[in-house]
Amino acid sequence: MTFETDDIRSPEIEHNAIVQIERITHNIAQIRADQSVVKEELRGLRDALQRMSEAITRLALIEERQAAASQAIERVMATVEKIDERVRALEVADPMQTKTAEWVERALWAAATAAVMFVAAKVGLF
């Protein structure tokens, strides 16, 4: 049976105490190196989580702004619809107003003509 130098059980089968201590020391150093790597990876993960947290916060802010903009657009659309209704009503009423204005103008011309004829008759032109 062969054992690698990194095998943690390998010091147990060694009969020389100095070699056992060296292997144990080596194993402890390897564990500490592994812990350093894990700590670095955890730091990297922590940094990544921090960046993700900031990104989510920005995303939430953008979402709030988008909701506010959407509400503003809805208000504008409601106002535009009301204006469209008023324009349609005015467009329907316009021909009648034009006709009424035409009748009033003809009535004024008739009254003016009648007044001129009355004055002409009084003066003796007819």
N, C-alpha and C. Protein backbone atom coordinates (compact mmCIF):
# COMPACT_ATOMS: atom_id res chain seq x y z
N MET A 1 0.84 -1.15 0.00
CA MET A 1 0.00 0.00 0.00
C MET A 1 0.90 1.23 0.00
N THR A 2 0.63 2.17 -0.94
CA THR A 2 1.44 3.40 -1.01
C THR A 2 0.59 4.57 -0.56
N PHE A 3 1.23 5.50 0.11
CA PHE A 3 0.55 6.69 0.59
C PHE A 3 1.22 7.91 0.00
N GLU A 4 0.39 8.89 -0.37
CA GLU A 4 0.94 10.14 -0.88
C GLU A 4 1.37 10.98 0.30
N THR A 5 2.25 11.93 0.00
CA THR A 5 2.74 12.78 1.08
C THR A 5 1.66 13.71 1.59
N ASP A 6 0.62 13.96 0.79
CA ASP A 6 -0.46 14.86 1.22
C ASP A 6 -1.55 14.12 1.98
N ASP A 7 -1.46 12.79 2.03
CA ASP A 7 -2.47 12.01 2.72
C ASP A 7 -2.37 12.29 4.21
N ILE A 8 -3.47 12.67 4.82
CA ILE A 8 -3.45 13.07 6.23
C ILE A 8 -3.17 11.89 7.15
N ARG A 9 -3.44 10.68 6.72
CA ARG A 9 -3.20 9.50 7.55
C ARG A 9 -1.76 9.00 7.41
N SER A 10 -1.04 9.53 6.45
CA SER A 10 0.31 9.02 6.21
C SER A 10 1.26 9.19 7.40
N PRO A 11 1.09 10.23 8.27
CA PRO A 11 2.00 10.29 9.43
C PRO A 11 1.82 9.12 10.38
N GLU A 12 0.65 8.51 10.41
CA GLU A 12 0.39 7.42 11.33
C GLU A 12 1.24 6.19 11.00
N ILE A 13 1.52 5.98 9.75
CA ILE A 13 2.27 4.78 9.37
C ILE A 13 3.77 5.01 9.38
N GLU A 14 4.16 6.23 9.57
CA GLU A 14 5.60 6.55 9.62
C GLU A 14 6.12 6.23 11.01
N HIS A 15 7.28 5.59 11.05
CA HIS A 15 7.85 5.20 12.34
C HIS A 15 8.82 6.23 12.87
N ASN A 16 9.32 7.07 12.01
CA ASN A 16 10.27 8.09 12.43
C ASN A 16 9.48 9.30 12.92
N ALA A 17 9.69 9.74 14.17
CA ALA A 17 8.94 10.83 14.79
C ALA A 17 9.19 12.14 14.08
N ILE A 18 10.41 12.38 13.62
CA ILE A 18 10.73 13.64 12.93
C ILE A 18 9.96 13.72 11.61
N VAL A 19 9.92 12.62 10.89
CA VAL A 19 9.18 12.60 9.62
C VAL A 19 7.69 12.77 9.90
N GLN A 20 7.18 12.18 10.98
CA GLN A 20 5.78 12.35 11.35
C GLN A 20 5.48 13.82 11.62
N ILE A 21 6.34 14.45 12.38
CA ILE A 21 6.13 15.87 12.71
C ILE A 21 6.20 16.72 11.45
N GLU A 22 7.15 16.41 10.55
CA GLU A 22 7.26 17.17 9.30
C GLU A 22 6.01 16.99 8.44
N ARG A 23 5.52 15.76 8.40
CA ARG A 23 4.30 15.52 7.61
C ARG A 23 3.10 16.23 8.23
N ILE A 24 2.99 16.20 9.54
CA ILE A 24 1.89 16.90 10.22
C ILE A 24 2.01 18.40 9.98
N THR A 25 3.22 18.92 10.08
CA THR A 25 3.46 20.35 9.83
C THR A 25 3.08 20.70 8.39
N HIS A 26 3.49 19.80 7.48
CA HIS A 26 3.15 20.03 6.08
C HIS A 26 1.63 20.03 5.88
N ASN A 27 0.95 19.08 6.52
CA ASN A 27 -0.50 19.00 6.41
C ASN A 27 -1.18 20.24 6.98
N ILE A 28 -0.69 20.72 8.11
CA ILE A 28 -1.24 21.93 8.73
C ILE A 28 -1.01 23.13 7.81
N ALA A 29 0.19 23.22 7.22
CA ALA A 29 0.48 24.31 6.28
C ALA A 29 -0.45 24.24 5.07
N GLN A 30 -0.70 23.02 4.61
CA GLN A 30 -1.60 22.84 3.46
C GLN A 30 -3.02 23.27 3.82
N ILE A 31 -3.46 22.92 5.03
CA ILE A 31 -4.79 23.31 5.49
C ILE A 31 -4.89 24.83 5.58
N ARG A 32 -3.85 25.47 6.12
CA ARG A 32 -3.84 26.94 6.22
C ARG A 32 -3.85 27.58 4.83
N ALA A 33 -3.11 27.00 3.89
CA ALA A 33 -3.11 27.53 2.53
C ALA A 33 -4.51 27.40 1.91
N ASP A 34 -5.13 26.23 2.16
CA ASP A 34 -6.49 26.03 1.66
C ASP A 34 -7.46 27.03 2.29
N GLN A 35 -7.27 27.30 3.60
CA GLN A 35 -8.12 28.27 4.27
C GLN A 35 -7.93 29.66 3.66
N SER A 36 -6.70 30.01 3.31
CA SER A 36 -6.44 31.31 2.69
C SER A 36 -7.16 31.42 1.35
N VAL A 37 -7.10 30.32 0.59
CA VAL A 37 -7.79 30.31 -0.70
C VAL A 37 -9.29 30.47 -0.49
N VAL A 38 -9.82 29.74 0.50
CA VAL A 38 -11.26 29.82 0.78
C VAL A 38 -11.62 31.25 1.22
N LYS A 39 -10.76 31.85 2.07
CA LYS A 39 -11.02 33.22 2.52
C LYS A 39 -11.03 34.17 1.33
N GLU A 40 -10.11 34.01 0.40
CA GLU A 40 -10.07 34.86 -0.79
C GLU A 40 -11.33 34.66 -1.63
N GLU A 41 -11.72 33.41 -1.77
CA GLU A 41 -12.94 33.13 -2.53
C GLU A 41 -14.15 33.73 -1.84
N LEU A 42 -14.19 33.63 -0.51
CA LEU A 42 -15.30 34.24 0.24
C LEU A 42 -15.31 35.75 0.08
N ARG A 43 -14.12 36.36 0.09
CA ARG A 43 -14.03 37.80 -0.13
C ARG A 43 -14.58 38.15 -1.51
N GLY A 44 -14.19 37.34 -2.49
CA GLY A 44 -14.70 37.56 -3.85
C GLY A 44 -16.21 37.42 -3.92
N LEU A 45 -16.73 36.39 -3.24
CA LEU A 45 -18.18 36.20 -3.19
C LEU A 45 -18.87 37.36 -2.48
N ARG A 46 -18.26 37.81 -1.40
CA ARG A 46 -18.82 38.94 -0.65
C ARG A 46 -18.87 40.18 -1.54
N ASP A 47 -17.78 40.42 -2.28
CA ASP A 47 -17.76 41.57 -3.19
C ASP A 47 -18.82 41.42 -4.28
N ALA A 48 -18.93 40.20 -4.81
CA ALA A 48 -19.94 39.96 -5.85
C ALA A 48 -21.35 40.17 -5.29
N LEU A 49 -21.60 39.71 -4.07
CA LEU A 49 -22.91 39.92 -3.44
C LEU A 49 -23.18 41.40 -3.21
N GLN A 50 -22.14 42.14 -2.83
CA GLN A 50 -22.29 43.58 -2.62
C GLN A 50 -22.66 44.27 -3.94
N ARG A 51 -21.98 43.88 -5.02
CA ARG A 51 -22.28 44.47 -6.33
C ARG A 51 -23.70 44.09 -6.77
N MET A 52 -24.09 42.84 -6.51
CA MET A 52 -25.44 42.41 -6.86
C MET A 52 -26.48 43.19 -6.05
N SER A 53 -26.18 43.41 -4.78
CA SER A 53 -27.09 44.17 -3.93
C SER A 53 -27.26 45.59 -4.46
N GLU A 54 -26.15 46.21 -4.85
CA GLU A 54 -26.22 47.56 -5.41
C GLU A 54 -27.01 47.56 -6.72
N ALA A 55 -26.78 46.54 -7.54
CA ALA A 55 -27.50 46.45 -8.81
C ALA A 55 -29.00 46.28 -8.58
N ILE A 56 -29.37 45.46 -7.61
CA ILE A 56 -30.78 45.25 -7.30
C ILE A 56 -31.41 46.54 -6.79
N THR A 57 -30.65 47.28 -5.97
CA THR A 57 -31.15 48.55 -5.47
C THR A 57 -31.39 49.52 -6.62
N ARG A 58 -30.42 49.59 -7.55
CA ARG A 58 -30.59 50.46 -8.72
C ARG A 58 -31.77 50.00 -9.57
N LEU A 59 -31.92 48.71 -9.71
CA LEU A 59 -33.02 48.17 -10.49
C LEU A 59 -34.37 48.54 -9.86
N ALA A 60 -34.44 48.46 -8.54
CA ALA A 60 -35.68 48.84 -7.84
C ALA A 60 -35.97 50.33 -8.06
N LEU A 61 -34.93 51.16 -8.02
CA LEU A 61 -35.11 52.59 -8.25
C LEU A 61 -35.61 52.84 -9.67
N ILE A 62 -35.03 52.14 -10.63
CA ILE A 62 -35.46 52.29 -12.03
C ILE A 62 -36.91 51.85 -12.17
N GLU A 63 -37.26 50.76 -11.48
CA GLU A 63 -38.63 50.26 -11.56
C GLU A 63 -39.61 51.28 -10.98
N GLU A 64 -39.25 51.93 -9.88
CA GLU A 64 -40.11 52.95 -9.29
C GLU A 64 -40.28 54.12 -10.26
N ARG A 65 -39.16 54.54 -10.86
CA ARG A 65 -39.24 55.65 -11.82
C ARG A 65 -40.09 55.27 -13.02
N GLN A 66 -39.96 54.04 -13.48
CA GLN A 66 -40.75 53.58 -14.61
C GLN A 66 -42.23 53.56 -14.25
N ALA A 67 -42.55 53.14 -13.04
CA ALA A 67 -43.95 53.12 -12.59
C ALA A 67 -44.51 54.54 -12.54
N ALA A 68 -43.70 55.48 -12.03
CA ALA A 68 -44.14 56.88 -11.97
C ALA A 68 -44.34 57.43 -13.38
N ALA A 69 -43.43 57.11 -14.29
CA ALA A 69 -43.56 57.57 -15.68
C ALA A 69 -44.80 56.96 -16.33
N SER A 70 -45.06 55.71 -16.03
CA SER A 70 -46.23 55.04 -16.58
C SER A 70 -47.52 55.70 -16.09
N GLN A 71 -47.55 56.05 -14.82
CA GLN A 71 -48.72 56.74 -14.27
C GLN A 71 -48.90 58.10 -14.93
N ALA A 72 -47.79 58.81 -15.13
CA ALA A 72 -47.86 60.12 -15.79
C ALA A 72 -48.38 59.97 -17.21
N ILE A 73 -47.93 58.95 -17.91
CA ILE A 73 -48.40 58.71 -19.28
C ILE A 73 -49.90 58.41 -19.27
N GLU A 74 -50.36 57.63 -18.29
CA GLU A 74 -51.79 57.32 -18.20
C GLU A 74 -52.60 58.59 -17.97
N ARG A 75 -52.09 59.49 -17.10
CA ARG A 75 -52.80 60.75 -16.87
C ARG A 75 -52.86 61.59 -18.14
N VAL A 76 -51.75 61.64 -18.87
CA VAL A 76 -51.72 62.40 -20.12
C VAL A 76 -52.70 61.81 -21.14
N MET A 77 -52.72 60.48 -21.21
CA MET A 77 -53.64 59.82 -22.16
C MET A 77 -55.09 60.12 -21.79
N ALA A 78 -55.42 60.15 -20.51
CA ALA A 78 -56.78 60.46 -20.09
C ALA A 78 -57.14 61.89 -20.49
N THR A 79 -56.18 62.81 -20.32
CA THR A 79 -56.41 64.20 -20.71
C THR A 79 -56.59 64.31 -22.22
N VAL A 80 -55.78 63.60 -22.98
CA VAL A 80 -55.90 63.63 -24.44
C VAL A 80 -57.26 63.08 -24.88
N GLU A 81 -57.72 62.02 -24.22
CA GLU A 81 -59.04 61.47 -24.56
C GLU A 81 -60.15 62.48 -24.29
N LYS A 82 -60.05 63.21 -23.18
CA LYS A 82 -61.05 64.24 -22.88
C LYS A 82 -61.02 65.35 -23.94
N ILE A 83 -59.82 65.75 -24.34
CA ILE A 83 -59.69 66.79 -25.37
C ILE A 83 -60.26 66.28 -26.69
N ASP A 84 -60.01 65.01 -27.02
CA ASP A 84 -60.58 64.43 -28.25
C ASP A 84 -62.10 64.48 -28.22
N GLU A 85 -62.69 64.16 -27.08
CA GLU A 85 -64.15 64.21 -26.96
C GLU A 85 -64.66 65.63 -27.17
N ARG A 86 -63.97 66.61 -26.59
CA ARG A 86 -64.40 68.00 -26.76
C ARG A 86 -64.27 68.44 -28.21
N VAL A 87 -63.19 68.04 -28.88
CA VAL A 87 -63.00 68.40 -30.29
C VAL A 87 -64.10 67.77 -31.14
N ARG A 88 -64.42 66.50 -30.87
CA ARG A 88 -65.49 65.84 -31.63
C ARG A 88 -66.83 66.58 -31.45
N ALA A 89 -67.11 66.99 -30.21
CA ALA A 89 -68.35 67.71 -29.94
C ALA A 89 -68.35 69.04 -30.69
N LEU A 90 -67.22 69.73 -30.70
CA LEU A 90 -67.15 71.00 -31.43
C LEU A 90 -67.27 70.79 -32.94
N GLU A 91 -66.69 69.71 -33.43
CA GLU A 91 -66.80 69.43 -34.86
C GLU A 91 -68.24 69.13 -35.26
N VAL A 92 -68.98 68.47 -34.39
CA VAL A 92 -70.39 68.18 -34.66
C VAL A 92 -71.20 69.48 -34.61
N ALA A 93 -70.87 70.33 -33.67
CA ALA A 93 -71.63 71.58 -33.50
C ALA A 93 -71.25 72.63 -34.55
N ASP A 94 -70.10 72.56 -35.16
CA ASP A 94 -69.63 73.59 -36.08
C ASP A 94 -70.56 73.81 -37.28
N PRO A 95 -71.04 72.78 -37.98
CA PRO A 95 -71.94 73.05 -39.11
C PRO A 95 -73.21 73.79 -38.69
N MET A 96 -73.73 73.43 -37.51
CA MET A 96 -74.95 74.11 -37.04
C MET A 96 -74.65 75.56 -36.70
N GLN A 97 -73.49 75.82 -36.10
CA GLN A 97 -73.13 77.19 -35.77
C GLN A 97 -72.91 78.01 -37.05
N THR A 98 -72.30 77.37 -38.05
CA THR A 98 -72.09 78.06 -39.33
C THR A 98 -73.44 78.42 -39.96
N LYS A 99 -74.37 77.49 -39.93
CA LYS A 99 -75.70 77.72 -40.50
C LYS A 99 -76.41 78.83 -39.73
N THR A 100 -76.34 78.81 -38.41
CA THR A 100 -76.97 79.83 -37.57
C THR A 100 -76.36 81.19 -37.86
N ALA A 101 -75.03 81.23 -37.96
CA ALA A 101 -74.37 82.50 -38.26
C ALA A 101 -74.81 83.03 -39.62
N GLU A 102 -74.98 82.14 -40.57
CA GLU A 102 -75.45 82.54 -41.91
C GLU A 102 -76.86 83.12 -41.83
N TRP A 103 -77.74 82.49 -41.05
CA TRP A 103 -79.12 83.00 -40.92
C TRP A 103 -79.13 84.37 -40.24
N VAL A 104 -78.32 84.49 -39.20
CA VAL A 104 -78.27 85.78 -38.49
C VAL A 104 -77.75 86.86 -39.43
N GLU A 105 -76.75 86.54 -40.23
CA GLU A 105 -76.21 87.54 -41.18
C GLU A 105 -77.27 87.94 -42.21
N ARG A 106 -78.02 86.98 -42.73
CA ARG A 106 -79.08 87.30 -43.70
C ARG A 106 -80.17 88.15 -43.06
N ALA A 107 -80.50 87.81 -41.79
CA ALA A 107 -81.53 88.60 -41.08
C ALA A 107 -81.05 90.04 -40.88
N LEU A 108 -79.78 90.22 -40.56
CA LEU A 108 -79.25 91.59 -40.39
C LEU A 108 -79.28 92.35 -41.72
N TRP A 109 -78.93 91.69 -42.82
CA TRP A 109 -78.98 92.34 -44.13
C TRP A 109 -80.43 92.71 -44.49
N ALA A 110 -81.35 91.80 -44.18
CA ALA A 110 -82.76 92.09 -44.47
C ALA A 110 -83.23 93.28 -43.64
N ALA A 111 -82.85 93.32 -42.35
CA ALA A 111 -83.24 94.44 -41.48
C ALA A 111 -82.60 95.74 -41.97
N ALA A 112 -81.34 95.66 -42.40
CA ALA A 112 -80.66 96.87 -42.90
C ALA A 112 -81.33 97.35 -44.19
N THR A 113 -81.67 96.41 -45.06
CA THR A 113 -82.34 96.78 -46.31
C THR A 113 -83.70 97.40 -46.02
N ALA A 114 -84.43 96.82 -45.08
CA ALA A 114 -85.74 97.36 -44.72
C ALA A 114 -85.59 98.76 -44.13
N ALA A 115 -84.57 98.97 -43.32
CA ALA A 115 -84.35 100.29 -42.73
C ALA A 115 -84.01 101.31 -43.81
N VAL A 116 -83.18 100.92 -44.77
CA VAL A 116 -82.81 101.84 -45.86
C VAL A 116 -84.06 102.14 -46.70
N MET A 117 -84.88 101.15 -46.97
CA MET A 117 -86.09 101.37 -47.76
C MET A 117 -87.06 102.29 -47.00
N PHE A 118 -87.16 102.11 -45.68
CA PHE A 118 -88.03 102.96 -44.87
C PHE A 118 -87.57 104.41 -44.92
N VAL A 119 -86.25 104.60 -44.78
CA VAL A 119 -85.71 105.97 -44.81
C VAL A 119 -85.90 106.54 -46.21
N ALA A 120 -85.71 105.75 -47.23
CA ALA A 120 -85.87 106.23 -48.60
C ALA A 120 -87.34 106.61 -48.87
N ALA A 121 -88.27 105.85 -48.35
CA ALA A 121 -89.67 106.15 -48.53
C ALA A 121 -90.05 107.41 -47.78
N LYS A 122 -89.51 107.64 -46.62
CA LYS A 122 -89.80 108.83 -45.85
C LYS A 122 -89.21 110.08 -46.52
N VAL A 123 -88.08 109.88 -47.13
CA VAL A 123 -87.43 111.01 -47.77
C VAL A 123 -88.13 111.31 -49.12
N GLY A 124 -88.78 110.36 -49.65
CA GLY A 124 -89.51 110.57 -50.88
C GLY A 124 -88.81 110.04 -52.10
N LEU A 125 -87.88 109.18 -51.94
CA LEU A 125 -87.19 108.60 -53.08
C LEU A 125 -88.06 107.56 -53.78
N PHE A 126 -89.02 107.01 -53.14
CA PHE A 126 -89.93 106.03 -53.77
C PHE A 126 -91.30 106.60 -53.89
